[in-house]
Amino acid sequence: MAATLVENLQSLQVIYRQSGASGRDQIDGNISDITQICLHEISDKDKDFCCSALFDKETGIVAFIQKVAGDDQFQSSKAAVLDLISGFAQKVEKKILPYALDIKEVCISAFTRDKSAKVKNAAICALIKVIELTVGSQMGEDLKIDKMVNKFFMELTKGTKLASTGKLVTTMSGMAKLFARSPGASKQSTGLVETAWQLARLASENSGQMQHLWL
């Protein structure tokens, strides 16, 4: 299992570097194999190794998403990797926390930069799953959730067409509630809840212009 996982992760980087978009089918096949290993084949004793391999800064899945971030031809690949992160976070729970900052950054980047609703939705789902796991830990503060809320708030108020309004409101409200329950977050929790409420109000006021929500 360990050797197969590492081999598939390394292949993602090699195929993209050597073949680019022409290797997309191979890359999607590798991602499918990685997902099968990480979500269905690893045992409890393999979880720590799987975490370190999956989120390795050179050959891991976050590194792969960063490399294909601006390439629209890899939208399905990016969505599949983000879905993998969500599923893996649910499987290993707090073992994923050492990698939470890297995951947060790549999720925000995917949401703000990618044109695909599928990628945006997968990014938000992965982000919320990781944030849920940080409740009660020091990572809650390290993730700077208040700044995250403000960033998404600015996305909503840009005036551009946002099909993600409903998901944004749900996410921000969830972040506010989760962060408010975190130890040591009391100074910021009130502001977060207020911002989430403003998001909901803004979405309601603009509902005539924003009809398409992700389901």
Protein backbone atom coordinates (compact mmCIF):
# COMPACT_ATOMS: atom_id res chain seq x y z
CA MET A 1 0.00 0.00 0.00
CA ALA A 2 2.68 2.52 1.04
CA ALA A 3 4.80 2.00 -2.07
CA THR A 4 1.75 2.18 -4.36
CA LEU A 5 0.54 5.42 -2.77
CA VAL A 6 3.93 7.11 -3.06
CA GLU A 7 4.31 5.90 -6.63
CA ASN A 8 0.94 7.32 -7.64
CA LEU A 9 1.65 10.65 -5.95
CA GLN A 10 4.99 10.98 -7.68
CA SER A 11 3.38 10.08 -11.00
CA LEU A 12 0.99 13.03 -10.71
CA GLN A 13 3.91 15.43 -10.72
CA VAL A 14 5.87 13.60 -13.42
CA ILE A 15 2.97 13.22 -15.85
CA TYR A 16 1.94 16.86 -15.49
CA ARG A 17 5.50 18.06 -15.94
CA GLN A 18 6.15 15.89 -18.97
CA SER A 19 2.77 15.76 -20.68
CA GLY A 20 0.68 18.66 -19.42
CA ALA A 21 -2.97 18.54 -20.50
CA SER A 22 -2.35 15.58 -22.82
CA GLY A 23 -1.74 13.45 -19.72
CA ARG A 24 -5.01 14.42 -18.07
CA ASP A 25 -6.59 10.97 -18.38
CA GLN A 26 -3.57 9.35 -16.75
CA ILE A 27 -3.60 11.92 -13.99
CA ASP A 28 -7.30 11.36 -13.32
CA GLY A 29 -6.61 7.64 -13.17
CA ASN A 30 -3.85 8.21 -10.62
CA ILE A 31 -6.13 10.41 -8.51
CA SER A 32 -8.77 7.67 -8.59
CA ASP A 33 -6.19 5.12 -7.43
CA ILE A 34 -4.98 7.43 -4.65
CA THR A 35 -8.56 7.98 -3.51
CA GLN A 36 -9.21 4.25 -3.43
CA ILE A 37 -6.10 3.65 -1.33
CA CYS A 38 -6.63 6.51 1.11
CA LEU A 39 -10.35 6.17 1.65
CA HIS A 40 -10.90 2.43 1.38
CA GLU A 41 -7.70 0.44 1.81
CA ILE A 42 -5.60 1.95 4.60
CA SER A 43 -5.74 0.56 8.13
CA ASP A 44 -5.51 2.59 11.33
CA LYS A 45 -1.78 1.94 11.56
CA ASP A 46 -1.29 3.38 8.05
CA LYS A 47 -3.04 6.69 8.69
CA ASP A 48 0.01 8.66 9.87
CA PHE A 49 2.10 7.56 6.91
CA CYS A 50 -0.76 8.25 4.52
CA CYS A 51 -1.10 11.78 5.93
CA SER A 52 2.60 12.55 5.51
CA ALA A 53 2.67 11.17 1.96
CA LEU A 54 -0.58 12.75 0.85
CA PHE A 55 0.41 16.22 2.06
CA ASP A 56 4.11 16.11 1.28
CA LYS A 57 5.13 19.62 0.17
CA GLU A 58 6.90 18.36 -2.95
CA THR A 59 4.86 15.39 -4.17
CA GLY A 60 1.57 15.64 -2.26
CA ILE A 61 -1.89 16.51 -3.53
CA VAL A 62 -1.75 20.11 -2.30
CA ALA A 63 1.44 20.62 -4.32
CA PHE A 64 -0.32 19.17 -7.35
CA ILE A 65 -3.32 21.51 -7.05
CA GLN A 66 -0.96 24.47 -6.73
CA LYS A 67 0.74 23.49 -9.99
CA VAL A 68 -2.49 23.15 -11.97
CA ALA A 69 -4.29 26.03 -10.24
CA GLY A 70 -4.50 28.25 -13.31
CA ASP A 71 -5.17 25.48 -15.83
CA ASP A 72 -8.86 25.15 -16.74
CA GLN A 73 -8.21 21.83 -18.47
CA PHE A 74 -7.67 20.21 -15.07
CA GLN A 75 -10.94 21.27 -13.44
CA SER A 76 -12.14 17.69 -12.96
CA SER A 77 -8.76 16.72 -11.52
CA LYS A 78 -8.81 19.59 -9.04
CA ALA A 79 -12.36 18.82 -7.97
CA ALA A 80 -11.48 15.15 -7.46
CA VAL A 81 -8.47 16.02 -5.30
CA LEU A 82 -10.51 18.44 -3.18
CA ASP A 83 -13.18 15.77 -2.74
CA LEU A 84 -10.41 13.41 -1.65
CA ILE A 85 -9.29 15.93 0.97
CA SER A 86 -12.86 16.12 2.34
CA GLY A 87 -13.21 12.36 2.52
CA PHE A 88 -9.76 11.84 3.97
CA ALA A 89 -10.33 14.51 6.64
CA GLN A 90 -13.48 12.68 7.69
CA LYS A 91 -11.57 9.39 7.83
CA VAL A 92 -8.47 10.43 9.78
CA GLU A 93 -10.04 13.34 11.69
CA LYS A 94 -7.56 15.29 13.82
CA LYS A 95 -4.54 13.54 12.33
CA ILE A 96 -4.96 15.97 9.44
CA LEU A 97 -4.50 19.07 11.63
CA PRO A 98 -0.72 19.46 11.02
CA TYR A 99 -1.60 20.07 7.37
CA ALA A 100 -4.62 22.30 7.97
CA LEU A 101 -2.88 25.56 7.04
CA ASP A 102 -1.72 24.23 3.67
CA ILE A 103 -5.19 22.84 2.99
CA LYS A 104 -6.81 26.15 3.92
CA GLU A 105 -4.60 28.10 1.54
CA VAL A 106 -5.19 25.78 -1.42
CA CYS A 107 -8.95 25.70 -0.80
CA ILE A 108 -9.20 29.49 -0.70
CA SER A 109 -7.04 29.76 -3.81
CA ALA A 110 -9.21 27.23 -5.66
CA PHE A 111 -12.38 29.01 -4.65
CA THR A 112 -11.26 32.50 -5.61
CA ARG A 113 -9.28 31.65 -8.76
CA ASP A 114 -11.11 28.79 -10.42
CA LYS A 115 -14.00 29.35 -12.83
CA SER A 116 -15.60 25.96 -12.30
CA ALA A 117 -18.55 25.73 -9.89
CA LYS A 118 -17.60 22.10 -9.29
CA VAL A 119 -14.12 23.10 -8.12
CA LYS A 120 -15.43 25.99 -6.00
CA ASN A 121 -17.97 23.74 -4.31
CA ALA A 122 -15.39 21.03 -3.61
CA ALA A 123 -13.00 23.65 -2.19
CA ILE A 124 -15.62 25.01 0.21
CA CYS A 125 -16.62 21.52 1.35
CA ALA A 126 -13.00 20.57 2.04
CA LEU A 127 -12.38 23.83 3.87
CA ILE A 128 -15.40 23.52 6.13
CA LYS A 129 -14.52 19.91 6.96
CA VAL A 130 -11.00 20.89 8.06
CA ILE A 131 -12.27 23.88 10.04
CA GLU A 132 -14.73 21.63 11.90
CA LEU A 133 -11.82 19.46 13.00
CA THR A 134 -9.88 22.45 14.39
CA VAL A 135 -12.56 23.33 16.94
CA GLY A 136 -11.05 23.10 20.42
CA SER A 137 -7.47 23.14 19.13
CA GLN A 138 -4.79 25.80 18.72
CA MET A 139 -5.26 25.50 14.96
CA GLY A 140 -8.53 27.41 15.26
CA GLU A 141 -6.54 30.58 15.89
CA ASP A 142 -3.71 29.68 13.50
CA LEU A 143 -6.16 29.44 10.62
CA LYS A 144 -7.15 33.10 11.15
CA ILE A 145 -10.80 32.35 10.57
CA ASP A 146 -11.79 35.99 11.06
CA LYS A 147 -9.67 36.98 8.04
CA MET A 148 -11.14 34.09 6.09
CA VAL A 149 -14.63 35.39 6.78
CA ASN A 150 -13.65 38.85 5.61
CA LYS A 151 -12.08 37.43 2.43
CA PHE A 152 -15.23 35.57 1.49
CA PHE A 153 -17.31 38.61 2.42
CA MET A 154 -15.33 40.66 -0.09
CA GLU A 155 -15.93 37.98 -2.73
CA LEU A 156 -19.65 38.36 -2.15
CA THR A 157 -19.58 42.15 -2.39
CA LYS A 158 -17.47 42.45 -5.53
CA GLY A 159 -20.53 42.83 -7.70
CA THR A 160 -19.58 39.94 -9.94
CA LYS A 161 -21.96 37.09 -10.68
CA LEU A 162 -21.64 34.63 -7.84
CA ALA A 163 -23.42 31.33 -8.23
CA SER A 164 -22.00 30.44 -4.82
CA THR A 165 -23.98 32.86 -2.69
CA GLY A 166 -25.92 30.22 -0.79
CA LYS A 167 -22.82 28.13 -0.15
CA LEU A 168 -20.88 31.19 1.00
CA VAL A 169 -23.55 32.19 3.50
CA THR A 170 -23.77 28.66 4.86
CA THR A 171 -19.98 28.42 5.11
CA MET A 172 -19.50 31.76 6.81
CA SER A 173 -22.29 31.08 9.28
CA GLY A 174 -20.74 27.70 10.04
CA MET A 175 -17.30 29.25 10.49
CA ALA A 176 -18.69 31.85 12.88
CA LYS A 177 -20.49 29.26 15.00
CA LEU A 178 -17.53 26.90 15.06
CA PHE A 179 -15.06 29.64 15.88
CA ALA A 180 -17.29 31.05 18.60
CA ARG A 181 -17.13 27.66 20.36
CA SER A 182 -13.34 27.50 20.19
CA PRO A 183 -11.40 28.21 23.41
CA GLY A 184 -9.72 31.60 23.37
CA ALA A 185 -11.76 32.92 20.48
CA SER A 186 -14.22 35.04 22.44
CA LYS A 187 -12.68 38.36 21.42
CA GLN A 188 -13.39 37.71 17.76
CA SER A 189 -16.46 35.51 17.83
CA THR A 190 -18.95 38.37 18.11
CA GLY A 191 -17.54 40.05 15.03
CA LEU A 192 -17.61 36.79 13.10
CA VAL A 193 -21.24 36.14 13.91
CA GLU A 194 -22.12 39.71 12.91
CA THR A 195 -20.26 39.32 9.60
CA ALA A 196 -22.05 36.05 8.89
CA TRP A 197 -25.37 37.78 9.57
CA GLN A 198 -24.40 40.55 7.17
CA LEU A 199 -23.61 37.94 4.53
CA ALA A 200 -27.05 36.40 4.94
CA ARG A 201 -28.75 39.80 4.71
CA LEU A 202 -26.73 40.78 1.63
CA ALA A 203 -27.54 37.48 -0.06
CA SER A 204 -31.24 38.01 0.68
CA GLU A 205 -31.20 41.54 -0.71
CA ASN A 206 -29.51 40.34 -3.90
CA SER A 207 -31.53 37.17 -4.32
CA GLY A 208 -33.14 38.56 -7.46
CA GLN A 209 -29.76 38.76 -9.18
CA MET A 210 -28.35 35.53 -7.73
CA GLN A 211 -30.74 32.70 -8.47
CA HIS A 212 -28.38 29.77 -9.02
CA LEU A 213 -27.18 28.14 -5.82
CA TRP A 214 -24.99 25.06 -5.55
CA LEU A 215 -26.91 22.06 -4.33
